[in-house]
Amino acid sequence: MPTTTITIPFLATGPTPPTKANAEGPNTLRTRVSELVEKMGPPPWSRRVIADERNLVTLIANRPGGGNRPHWHADFDEWWVVMAGEFRWELTGGVVVEARKDDIVWVPRGTVHHIKTVGTENSLRLAVAMPPATHYFSPCEQCGYDDEGPREWNA
């Protein structure tokens, strides 16, 4: 089975002050979600807030009925914090997870996941993945959506 190697180009040798933060992100020392939502405007949109060798953290907003294309990941599990709205995760094997504000949803590697915003409100979720976050697009068993092939996630 193939393995993924992570290269960490800088290791701290002791207490180190943070480097100068990038005001536009990603990797600012503090991101105020409400300010970012106001700046980005109406959904749909996504904005990377943290990016390093091990983490890709993205804030994602959708309108009712919006979501992602069904896909899976070979080398990492993915998880989300639901910050607003209601979602439906359609997973491999006919499994469905319903989630709303304050829920955390975890999906193991290899599991196709198709995320939809349900209900009448806009949604907001914080997605946590691992670089390079290659997405293998795959049909959704539940709804029949079909878009196959690997792609890196740059959203």
Protein backbone atom coordinates (compact mmCIF):
# COMPACT_ATOMS: atom_id res chain seq x y z
CA MET A 1 0.00 0.00 0.00
CA PRO A 2 1.42 3.44 -0.89
CA THR A 3 2.30 5.84 1.90
CA THR A 4 2.28 9.61 2.14
CA THR A 5 5.41 11.35 3.39
CA ILE A 6 5.11 14.72 5.10
CA THR A 7 8.16 17.00 4.95
CA ILE A 8 8.40 19.55 7.74
CA PRO A 9 10.91 22.19 6.51
CA PHE A 10 11.17 24.02 9.84
CA LEU A 11 11.29 22.45 13.29
CA ALA A 12 11.25 24.65 16.36
CA THR A 13 14.23 24.14 18.66
CA GLY A 14 12.62 25.95 21.56
CA PRO A 15 10.10 28.66 22.36
CA THR A 16 9.75 30.81 19.24
CA PRO A 17 7.69 33.96 18.72
CA PRO A 18 5.25 33.75 15.81
CA THR A 19 6.35 35.04 12.45
CA LYS A 20 4.69 38.20 11.18
CA ALA A 21 1.11 37.33 10.36
CA ASN A 22 -0.30 37.69 6.88
CA ALA A 23 -3.18 40.16 7.26
CA GLU A 24 -5.10 38.59 4.37
CA GLY A 25 -4.46 35.00 5.46
CA PRO A 26 -4.12 32.19 5.51
CA ASN A 27 -2.33 31.77 8.84
CA THR A 28 -3.24 34.96 10.63
CA LEU A 29 -2.89 34.67 14.40
CA ARG A 30 -6.62 35.33 14.79
CA THR A 31 -9.42 35.14 12.27
CA ARG A 32 -12.74 36.65 13.29
CA VAL A 33 -15.34 34.53 11.52
CA SER A 34 -18.01 37.23 11.48
CA GLU A 35 -15.64 39.69 9.77
CA LEU A 36 -14.58 37.12 7.19
CA VAL A 37 -18.21 36.23 6.42
CA GLU A 38 -19.03 39.93 5.96
CA LYS A 39 -16.00 40.45 3.71
CA MET A 40 -16.74 37.41 1.53
CA GLY A 41 -20.39 38.35 1.00
CA PRO A 42 -23.25 36.07 -0.02
CA PRO A 43 -22.48 32.39 -0.62
CA PRO A 44 -21.28 30.30 -2.28
CA TRP A 45 -17.63 30.83 -1.32
CA SER A 46 -14.72 29.22 0.46
CA ARG A 47 -11.71 30.80 2.13
CA ARG A 48 -8.57 29.05 3.37
CA VAL A 49 -7.76 30.22 6.92
CA ILE A 50 -4.88 27.88 7.84
CA ALA A 51 -2.39 26.17 5.53
CA ASP A 52 0.78 24.38 6.58
CA GLU A 53 2.48 21.01 6.08
CA ARG A 54 -0.17 19.14 8.05
CA ASN A 55 -3.33 21.27 8.02
CA LEU A 56 -5.69 22.81 5.53
CA VAL A 57 -8.52 24.61 7.27
CA THR A 58 -11.17 26.23 5.12
CA LEU A 59 -14.32 28.18 5.92
CA ILE A 60 -17.06 27.24 3.42
CA ALA A 61 -20.41 28.98 2.90
CA ASN A 62 -23.28 27.66 0.79
CA ARG A 63 -26.85 28.59 -0.07
CA PRO A 64 -29.68 26.12 0.54
CA GLY A 65 -29.30 23.26 -1.94
CA GLY A 66 -25.57 23.97 -2.42
CA GLY A 67 -22.69 21.76 -1.45
CA ASN A 68 -19.71 19.88 -2.80
CA ARG A 69 -19.13 17.28 -5.49
CA PRO A 70 -19.01 13.71 -4.13
CA HIS A 71 -15.41 12.69 -3.51
CA TRP A 72 -13.06 10.72 -1.25
CA HIS A 73 -9.47 11.01 0.02
CA ALA A 74 -6.84 8.25 -0.01
CA ASP A 75 -4.51 9.42 2.73
CA PHE A 76 -6.40 11.42 5.35
CA ASP A 77 -9.62 11.59 7.31
CA GLU A 78 -11.58 14.84 7.03
CA TRP A 79 -13.75 16.60 9.57
CA TRP A 80 -15.93 19.69 9.82
CA VAL A 81 -17.42 21.98 12.46
CA VAL A 82 -20.91 23.13 11.49
CA MET A 83 -21.11 26.83 12.31
CA ALA A 84 -24.49 27.74 10.74
CA GLY A 85 -27.30 26.08 8.84
CA GLU A 86 -28.14 22.42 8.35
CA PHE A 87 -26.32 19.77 6.31
CA ARG A 88 -26.76 16.30 4.93
CA TRP A 89 -23.63 14.17 4.41
CA GLU A 90 -24.31 11.29 2.00
CA LEU A 91 -21.59 8.66 2.54
CA THR A 92 -20.44 5.43 0.93
CA GLY A 93 -22.75 2.52 1.67
CA GLY A 94 -25.94 4.55 1.91
CA VAL A 95 -24.99 6.14 5.25
CA VAL A 96 -26.51 9.58 5.84
CA VAL A 97 -25.41 12.03 8.55
CA GLU A 98 -27.62 15.02 9.34
CA ALA A 99 -25.84 17.89 11.12
CA ARG A 100 -26.54 21.43 12.29
CA LYS A 101 -24.83 24.26 14.15
CA ASP A 102 -22.40 23.08 16.85
CA ASP A 103 -22.08 19.54 15.41
CA ILE A 104 -18.74 18.03 14.41
CA VAL A 105 -18.79 15.54 11.52
CA TRP A 106 -15.87 13.17 10.85
CA VAL A 107 -15.46 11.06 7.70
CA PRO A 108 -12.71 8.41 7.43
CA ARG A 109 -10.39 8.22 4.43
CA GLY A 110 -11.81 6.24 1.52
CA THR A 111 -15.39 7.23 2.28
CA VAL A 112 -17.18 9.07 -0.52
CA HIS A 113 -18.84 12.14 0.95
CA HIS A 114 -21.38 14.39 -0.72
CA ILE A 115 -22.30 17.38 1.45
CA LYS A 116 -25.51 19.34 0.85
CA THR A 117 -26.95 22.37 2.60
CA VAL A 118 -30.54 21.53 3.52
CA GLY A 119 -33.28 23.69 4.98
CA THR A 120 -33.87 27.37 4.23
CA GLU A 121 -30.78 29.05 5.74
CA ASN A 122 -27.31 29.65 4.33
CA SER A 123 -24.73 27.30 5.79
CA LEU A 124 -21.22 27.74 7.14
CA ARG A 125 -18.78 24.94 7.93
CA LEU A 126 -15.12 24.81 8.89
CA ALA A 127 -13.37 22.00 6.99
CA VAL A 128 -10.15 20.43 8.30
CA ALA A 129 -8.07 18.41 5.85
CA MET A 130 -4.43 17.52 5.16
CA PRO A 131 -2.30 18.74 2.23
CA PRO A 132 -2.24 18.23 -0.66
CA ALA A 133 -5.90 17.26 -0.15
CA THR A 134 -6.22 15.32 -3.37
CA HIS A 135 -9.91 14.76 -4.09
CA TYR A 136 -10.95 11.64 -6.00
CA PHE A 137 -14.33 12.56 -7.43
CA SER A 138 -16.78 9.70 -7.46
CA PRO A 139 -20.47 9.10 -8.09
CA CYS A 140 -22.84 9.56 -5.13
CA GLU A 141 -24.77 6.33 -4.50
CA GLN A 142 -27.75 8.14 -2.98
CA CYS A 143 -28.41 10.88 -5.56
CA GLY A 144 -26.60 9.56 -8.64
CA TYR A 145 -24.31 12.63 -9.02
CA ASP A 146 -21.35 11.58 -11.21
CA ASP A 147 -18.00 13.39 -11.66
CA GLU A 148 -14.97 11.10 -11.46
CA GLY A 149 -11.22 11.77 -11.37
CA PRO A 150 -8.51 13.03 -8.97
CA ARG A 151 -7.92 16.75 -8.37
CA GLU A 152 -6.02 18.79 -5.80
CA TRP A 153 -8.25 20.94 -3.66
CA ASN A 154 -7.28 24.59 -4.02
CA ALA A 155 -10.50 26.15 -2.76
